[in-house]
Amino acid sequence: MGMRHKAATGAVALGMLGLAVAPATAAPLAGVDSAATARAASCYVYNVSGGAVNIRSGPGQRYTLIGTLAKGAKLPCGTDRDSQTTGQRYTSCGGGDSWSTIRVNGRDGWVASECVAFGA
């Protein structure tokens, strides 16, 4: 019982640092690269447009507006990281049809790719 308590305490301490810790009995995830996981955790989407950027529920203007990214602000990358998805055309930031995911309120949202930049 003493070992379980120590392991749990260590997991909690690491969790406060933002590290994910799997229980000792958990099988390793197939194909998960720790370097890739670290890069994903440090990925951010920056608004580089001249104003606020709309965040939508899908890759197009006809999708629901779920928020905005203020000028100069940043949010974590979404599930697709910095890959771009072709969707409905937009006219903001020079126009295009490429959309990128961004995390907002615990879920993925979509922003016009030409309005944002990616970084750590």
N, C-alpha and C. Protein backbone atom coordinates (compact mmCIF):
# COMPACT_ATOMS: atom_id res chain seq x y z
N MET A 1 0.82 -1.19 0.00
CA MET A 1 0.00 0.00 0.00
C MET A 1 0.87 1.25 0.00
N GLY A 2 2.02 1.19 0.68
CA GLY A 2 2.92 2.33 0.71
C GLY A 2 3.41 2.70 -0.68
N MET A 3 3.69 1.72 -1.54
CA MET A 3 4.17 2.00 -2.89
C MET A 3 3.09 2.68 -3.72
N ARG A 4 1.86 2.26 -3.59
CA ARG A 4 0.78 2.89 -4.33
C ARG A 4 0.66 4.36 -3.97
N HIS A 5 0.76 4.64 -2.69
CA HIS A 5 0.66 6.02 -2.23
C HIS A 5 1.78 6.88 -2.83
N LYS A 6 3.00 6.35 -2.83
CA LYS A 6 4.13 7.10 -3.39
C LYS A 6 3.95 7.33 -4.88
N ALA A 7 3.49 6.32 -5.61
CA ALA A 7 3.28 6.46 -7.06
C ALA A 7 2.20 7.50 -7.33
N ALA A 8 1.14 7.46 -6.55
CA ALA A 8 0.07 8.43 -6.76
C ALA A 8 0.55 9.84 -6.46
N THR A 9 1.34 10.00 -5.41
CA THR A 9 1.86 11.32 -5.07
C THR A 9 2.75 11.85 -6.18
N GLY A 10 3.61 10.99 -6.74
CA GLY A 10 4.47 11.39 -7.85
C GLY A 10 3.67 11.80 -9.07
N ALA A 11 2.60 11.07 -9.37
CA ALA A 11 1.76 11.39 -10.53
C ALA A 11 1.10 12.74 -10.34
N VAL A 12 0.64 13.02 -9.12
CA VAL A 12 0.00 14.30 -8.86
C VAL A 12 1.01 15.43 -9.02
N ALA A 13 2.20 15.24 -8.48
CA ALA A 13 3.22 16.29 -8.58
C ALA A 13 3.58 16.54 -10.04
N LEU A 14 3.74 15.50 -10.83
CA LEU A 14 4.04 15.67 -12.25
C LEU A 14 2.88 16.31 -12.98
N GLY A 15 1.66 15.94 -12.60
CA GLY A 15 0.48 16.51 -13.24
C GLY A 15 0.42 18.02 -13.08
N MET A 16 0.90 18.53 -11.97
CA MET A 16 0.91 19.97 -11.75
C MET A 16 1.87 20.66 -12.70
N LEU A 17 2.85 19.93 -13.20
CA LEU A 17 3.80 20.50 -14.15
C LEU A 17 3.29 20.40 -15.58
N GLY A 18 2.13 19.82 -15.77
CA GLY A 18 1.57 19.71 -17.11
C GLY A 18 2.03 18.48 -17.86
N LEU A 19 2.58 17.49 -17.15
CA LEU A 19 3.03 16.26 -17.79
C LEU A 19 1.98 15.19 -17.61
N ALA A 20 1.77 14.38 -18.63
CA ALA A 20 0.83 13.27 -18.55
C ALA A 20 1.59 12.04 -18.07
N VAL A 21 1.03 11.37 -17.06
CA VAL A 21 1.66 10.18 -16.52
C VAL A 21 0.66 9.04 -16.58
N ALA A 22 1.06 7.92 -17.20
CA ALA A 22 0.19 6.75 -17.26
C ALA A 22 0.49 5.88 -16.05
N PRO A 23 -0.53 5.18 -15.53
CA PRO A 23 -0.29 4.25 -14.42
C PRO A 23 0.71 3.18 -14.85
N ALA A 24 1.45 2.62 -13.89
CA ALA A 24 2.46 1.62 -14.20
C ALA A 24 1.88 0.40 -14.88
N THR A 25 0.60 0.10 -14.65
CA THR A 25 -0.02 -1.08 -15.23
C THR A 25 -0.55 -0.82 -16.63
N ALA A 26 -0.58 0.41 -17.08
CA ALA A 26 -1.12 0.73 -18.40
C ALA A 26 -0.15 0.31 -19.49
N ALA A 27 -0.68 -0.23 -20.56
CA ALA A 27 0.15 -0.61 -21.71
C ALA A 27 0.56 0.66 -22.44
N PRO A 28 1.77 0.72 -23.00
CA PRO A 28 2.18 1.91 -23.75
C PRO A 28 1.31 2.08 -25.00
N LEU A 29 1.07 3.31 -25.37
CA LEU A 29 0.27 3.59 -26.56
C LEU A 29 1.09 3.31 -27.79
N ALA A 30 0.54 2.56 -28.72
CA ALA A 30 1.25 2.21 -29.95
C ALA A 30 1.44 3.45 -30.82
N GLY A 31 2.65 3.65 -31.31
CA GLY A 31 2.92 4.72 -32.25
C GLY A 31 3.04 6.11 -31.65
N VAL A 32 3.01 6.24 -30.32
CA VAL A 32 3.11 7.56 -29.70
C VAL A 32 4.58 7.89 -29.50
N ASP A 33 5.00 8.99 -30.06
CA ASP A 33 6.38 9.46 -29.97
C ASP A 33 6.41 10.56 -28.92
N SER A 34 7.24 10.42 -27.89
CA SER A 34 7.26 11.41 -26.81
C SER A 34 7.69 12.79 -27.33
N ALA A 35 8.56 12.85 -28.32
CA ALA A 35 8.96 14.14 -28.88
C ALA A 35 7.79 14.80 -29.60
N ALA A 36 6.99 14.00 -30.31
CA ALA A 36 5.81 14.53 -31.00
C ALA A 36 4.79 15.04 -29.98
N THR A 37 4.64 14.33 -28.88
CA THR A 37 3.72 14.75 -27.84
C THR A 37 4.16 16.09 -27.24
N ALA A 38 5.45 16.25 -27.02
CA ALA A 38 5.98 17.49 -26.47
C ALA A 38 5.78 18.64 -27.45
N ARG A 39 5.99 18.39 -28.75
CA ARG A 39 5.78 19.44 -29.76
C ARG A 39 4.32 19.86 -29.79
N ALA A 40 3.40 18.89 -29.72
CA ALA A 40 1.97 19.20 -29.76
C ALA A 40 1.56 20.05 -28.57
N ALA A 41 2.13 19.77 -27.41
CA ALA A 41 1.78 20.52 -26.20
C ALA A 41 2.26 21.96 -26.28
N SER A 42 3.27 22.23 -27.10
CA SER A 42 3.81 23.58 -27.18
C SER A 42 3.37 24.31 -28.45
N CYS A 43 2.37 23.81 -29.14
CA CYS A 43 1.89 24.42 -30.39
C CYS A 43 0.81 25.47 -30.07
N TYR A 44 0.98 26.65 -30.66
CA TYR A 44 -0.01 27.71 -30.48
C TYR A 44 -0.36 28.32 -31.83
N VAL A 45 -1.59 28.83 -31.91
CA VAL A 45 -2.08 29.55 -33.07
C VAL A 45 -2.12 31.03 -32.69
N TYR A 46 -1.44 31.88 -33.47
CA TYR A 46 -1.36 33.31 -33.22
C TYR A 46 -2.18 34.07 -34.25
N ASN A 47 -2.95 35.04 -33.81
CA ASN A 47 -3.70 35.89 -34.73
C ASN A 47 -2.74 36.94 -35.29
N VAL A 48 -2.49 36.88 -36.58
CA VAL A 48 -1.59 37.85 -37.23
C VAL A 48 -2.36 38.78 -38.17
N SER A 49 -3.67 38.76 -38.07
CA SER A 49 -4.50 39.63 -38.92
C SER A 49 -4.58 41.03 -38.32
N GLY A 50 -5.25 41.91 -38.99
CA GLY A 50 -5.41 43.27 -38.50
C GLY A 50 -6.53 43.45 -37.50
N GLY A 51 -7.28 42.40 -37.20
CA GLY A 51 -8.41 42.49 -36.26
C GLY A 51 -8.72 41.13 -35.68
N ALA A 52 -9.88 41.01 -35.06
CA ALA A 52 -10.30 39.74 -34.47
C ALA A 52 -10.58 38.72 -35.57
N VAL A 53 -10.28 37.46 -35.29
CA VAL A 53 -10.52 36.36 -36.24
C VAL A 53 -11.66 35.50 -35.68
N ASN A 54 -12.63 35.20 -36.52
CA ASN A 54 -13.73 34.35 -36.11
C ASN A 54 -13.27 32.90 -35.96
N ILE A 55 -13.78 32.25 -34.92
CA ILE A 55 -13.54 30.83 -34.70
C ILE A 55 -14.88 30.14 -34.93
N ARG A 56 -14.88 29.16 -35.84
CA ARG A 56 -16.11 28.50 -36.24
C ARG A 56 -16.11 27.03 -35.86
N SER A 57 -17.29 26.42 -35.86
CA SER A 57 -17.43 25.02 -35.48
C SER A 57 -17.00 24.06 -36.59
N GLY A 58 -16.69 24.56 -37.77
CA GLY A 58 -16.24 23.75 -38.89
C GLY A 58 -15.51 24.62 -39.89
N PRO A 59 -14.93 24.01 -40.95
CA PRO A 59 -14.11 24.75 -41.91
C PRO A 59 -14.92 25.52 -42.96
N GLY A 60 -15.66 26.51 -42.53
CA GLY A 60 -16.43 27.33 -43.46
C GLY A 60 -17.23 28.40 -42.75
N GLN A 61 -17.57 29.43 -43.50
CA GLN A 61 -18.32 30.55 -42.92
C GLN A 61 -19.76 30.19 -42.58
N ARG A 62 -20.28 29.13 -43.15
CA ARG A 62 -21.66 28.75 -42.82
C ARG A 62 -21.76 27.97 -41.50
N TYR A 63 -20.58 27.62 -40.92
CA TYR A 63 -20.59 26.95 -39.63
C TYR A 63 -20.80 27.97 -38.51
N THR A 64 -21.29 27.50 -37.38
CA THR A 64 -21.60 28.34 -36.23
C THR A 64 -20.36 29.05 -35.71
N LEU A 65 -20.51 30.32 -35.39
CA LEU A 65 -19.45 31.11 -34.76
C LEU A 65 -19.40 30.70 -33.29
N ILE A 66 -18.23 30.19 -32.84
CA ILE A 66 -18.11 29.74 -31.45
C ILE A 66 -17.21 30.64 -30.62
N GLY A 67 -16.61 31.64 -31.25
CA GLY A 67 -15.76 32.57 -30.53
C GLY A 67 -14.94 33.41 -31.49
N THR A 68 -14.07 34.24 -30.92
CA THR A 68 -13.16 35.06 -31.73
C THR A 68 -11.78 35.01 -31.08
N LEU A 69 -10.77 35.20 -31.91
CA LEU A 69 -9.39 35.30 -31.44
C LEU A 69 -8.99 36.75 -31.64
N ALA A 70 -8.74 37.46 -30.55
CA ALA A 70 -8.42 38.89 -30.62
C ALA A 70 -7.12 39.14 -31.37
N LYS A 71 -6.98 40.33 -31.92
CA LYS A 71 -5.77 40.73 -32.63
C LYS A 71 -4.56 40.53 -31.72
N GLY A 72 -3.54 39.80 -32.22
CA GLY A 72 -2.32 39.56 -31.46
C GLY A 72 -2.41 38.46 -30.42
N ALA A 73 -3.59 37.86 -30.22
CA ALA A 73 -3.77 36.82 -29.19
C ALA A 73 -3.34 35.45 -29.71
N LYS A 74 -3.25 34.49 -28.80
CA LYS A 74 -2.92 33.12 -29.17
C LYS A 74 -3.77 32.15 -28.38
N LEU A 75 -3.99 30.97 -28.98
CA LEU A 75 -4.66 29.86 -28.33
C LEU A 75 -3.92 28.59 -28.73
N PRO A 76 -4.10 27.50 -27.99
CA PRO A 76 -3.43 26.25 -28.36
C PRO A 76 -3.92 25.73 -29.72
N CYS A 77 -3.04 24.99 -30.39
CA CYS A 77 -3.41 24.36 -31.66
C CYS A 77 -4.50 23.33 -31.42
N GLY A 78 -5.30 23.10 -32.43
CA GLY A 78 -6.32 22.08 -32.37
C GLY A 78 -5.77 20.71 -32.73
N THR A 79 -6.66 19.77 -32.90
CA THR A 79 -6.30 18.39 -33.19
C THR A 79 -5.43 18.25 -34.42
N ASP A 80 -5.70 19.04 -35.46
CA ASP A 80 -4.95 18.92 -36.71
C ASP A 80 -3.62 19.66 -36.67
N ARG A 81 -3.28 20.29 -35.54
CA ARG A 81 -2.06 21.07 -35.38
C ARG A 81 -1.96 22.11 -36.49
N ASP A 82 -0.85 22.16 -37.21
CA ASP A 82 -0.71 23.21 -38.23
C ASP A 82 -1.06 22.73 -39.64
N SER A 83 -1.68 21.55 -39.75
CA SER A 83 -2.12 21.13 -41.08
C SER A 83 -3.35 21.94 -41.47
N GLN A 84 -3.55 22.11 -42.73
CA GLN A 84 -4.65 22.93 -43.22
C GLN A 84 -5.66 22.05 -43.94
N THR A 85 -6.93 22.39 -43.78
CA THR A 85 -8.02 21.65 -44.39
C THR A 85 -8.72 22.55 -45.39
N THR A 86 -9.03 22.01 -46.55
CA THR A 86 -9.77 22.78 -47.54
C THR A 86 -11.25 22.79 -47.14
N GLY A 87 -11.82 23.98 -47.15
CA GLY A 87 -13.23 24.14 -46.80
C GLY A 87 -13.84 25.25 -47.63
N GLN A 88 -14.89 25.84 -47.12
CA GLN A 88 -15.58 26.93 -47.81
C GLN A 88 -14.66 28.14 -47.95
N ARG A 89 -14.73 28.85 -49.06
CA ARG A 89 -13.90 30.03 -49.30
C ARG A 89 -14.27 31.15 -48.33
N TYR A 90 -13.27 31.94 -47.98
CA TYR A 90 -13.47 33.11 -47.12
C TYR A 90 -12.79 34.31 -47.78
N THR A 91 -13.15 35.51 -47.34
CA THR A 91 -12.58 36.73 -47.91
C THR A 91 -11.63 37.45 -46.96
N SER A 92 -11.61 37.07 -45.68
CA SER A 92 -10.74 37.73 -44.71
C SER A 92 -9.28 37.41 -44.97
N CYS A 93 -8.40 38.32 -44.59
CA CYS A 93 -6.94 38.14 -44.68
C CYS A 93 -6.46 37.78 -46.08
N GLY A 94 -7.08 38.29 -47.09
CA GLY A 94 -6.65 38.01 -48.45
C GLY A 94 -7.43 36.91 -49.13
N GLY A 95 -8.26 36.21 -48.39
CA GLY A 95 -9.10 35.17 -48.97
C GLY A 95 -8.40 33.84 -49.10
N GLY A 96 -9.18 32.83 -49.34
CA GLY A 96 -8.67 31.47 -49.50
C GLY A 96 -9.73 30.47 -49.11
N ASP A 97 -9.33 29.21 -49.05
CA ASP A 97 -10.27 28.17 -48.63
C ASP A 97 -9.60 27.18 -47.69
N SER A 98 -8.51 27.61 -47.05
CA SER A 98 -7.75 26.76 -46.15
C SER A 98 -8.06 27.13 -44.70
N TRP A 99 -8.42 26.14 -43.91
CA TRP A 99 -8.82 26.34 -42.52
C TRP A 99 -7.91 25.53 -41.60
N SER A 100 -7.66 26.02 -40.40
CA SER A 100 -6.82 25.36 -39.41
C SER A 100 -7.58 25.22 -38.09
N THR A 101 -7.26 24.17 -37.34
CA THR A 101 -7.94 23.96 -36.06
C THR A 101 -7.22 24.71 -34.94
N ILE A 102 -8.03 25.07 -33.93
CA ILE A 102 -7.57 25.80 -32.76
C ILE A 102 -8.40 25.30 -31.59
N ARG A 103 -7.82 25.22 -30.39
CA ARG A 103 -8.56 24.76 -29.21
C ARG A 103 -9.18 25.96 -28.51
N VAL A 104 -10.49 25.90 -28.31
CA VAL A 104 -11.19 26.96 -27.60
C VAL A 104 -12.26 26.31 -26.73
N ASN A 105 -12.28 26.65 -25.46
CA ASN A 105 -13.25 26.11 -24.51
C ASN A 105 -13.28 24.59 -24.51
N GLY A 106 -12.09 23.97 -24.63
CA GLY A 106 -11.98 22.52 -24.55
C GLY A 106 -12.37 21.75 -25.80
N ARG A 107 -12.59 22.44 -26.90
CA ARG A 107 -12.92 21.72 -28.14
C ARG A 107 -12.25 22.39 -29.33
N ASP A 108 -12.23 21.68 -30.45
CA ASP A 108 -11.64 22.24 -31.66
C ASP A 108 -12.57 23.25 -32.31
N GLY A 109 -11.97 24.32 -32.81
CA GLY A 109 -12.66 25.29 -33.63
C GLY A 109 -11.83 25.48 -34.89
N TRP A 110 -12.34 26.21 -35.85
CA TRP A 110 -11.67 26.40 -37.14
C TRP A 110 -11.49 27.89 -37.41
N VAL A 111 -10.30 28.25 -37.90
CA VAL A 111 -9.99 29.63 -38.25
C VAL A 111 -9.45 29.66 -39.67
N ALA A 112 -9.64 30.80 -40.35
CA ALA A 112 -9.09 30.99 -41.69
C ALA A 112 -7.56 30.95 -41.59
N SER A 113 -6.93 30.03 -42.31
CA SER A 113 -5.48 29.80 -42.18
C SER A 113 -4.64 31.04 -42.49
N GLU A 114 -5.07 31.85 -43.43
CA GLU A 114 -4.27 33.02 -43.80
C GLU A 114 -4.25 34.10 -42.72
N CYS A 115 -5.12 34.00 -41.74
CA CYS A 115 -5.21 34.99 -40.66
C CYS A 115 -4.35 34.63 -39.46
N VAL A 116 -3.76 33.45 -39.45
CA VAL A 116 -3.03 32.99 -38.28
C VAL A 116 -1.64 32.47 -38.64
N ALA A 117 -0.79 32.37 -37.62
CA ALA A 117 0.53 31.77 -37.74
C ALA A 117 0.67 30.76 -36.61
N PHE A 118 1.55 29.80 -36.79
CA PHE A 118 1.76 28.76 -35.79
C PHE A 118 3.15 28.91 -35.17
N GLY A 119 3.23 28.58 -33.89
CA GLY A 119 4.51 28.63 -33.20
C GLY A 119 4.40 28.05 -31.81
N ALA A 120 5.46 28.18 -31.07
CA ALA A 120 5.50 27.64 -29.71
C ALA A 120 5.15 28.72 -28.71
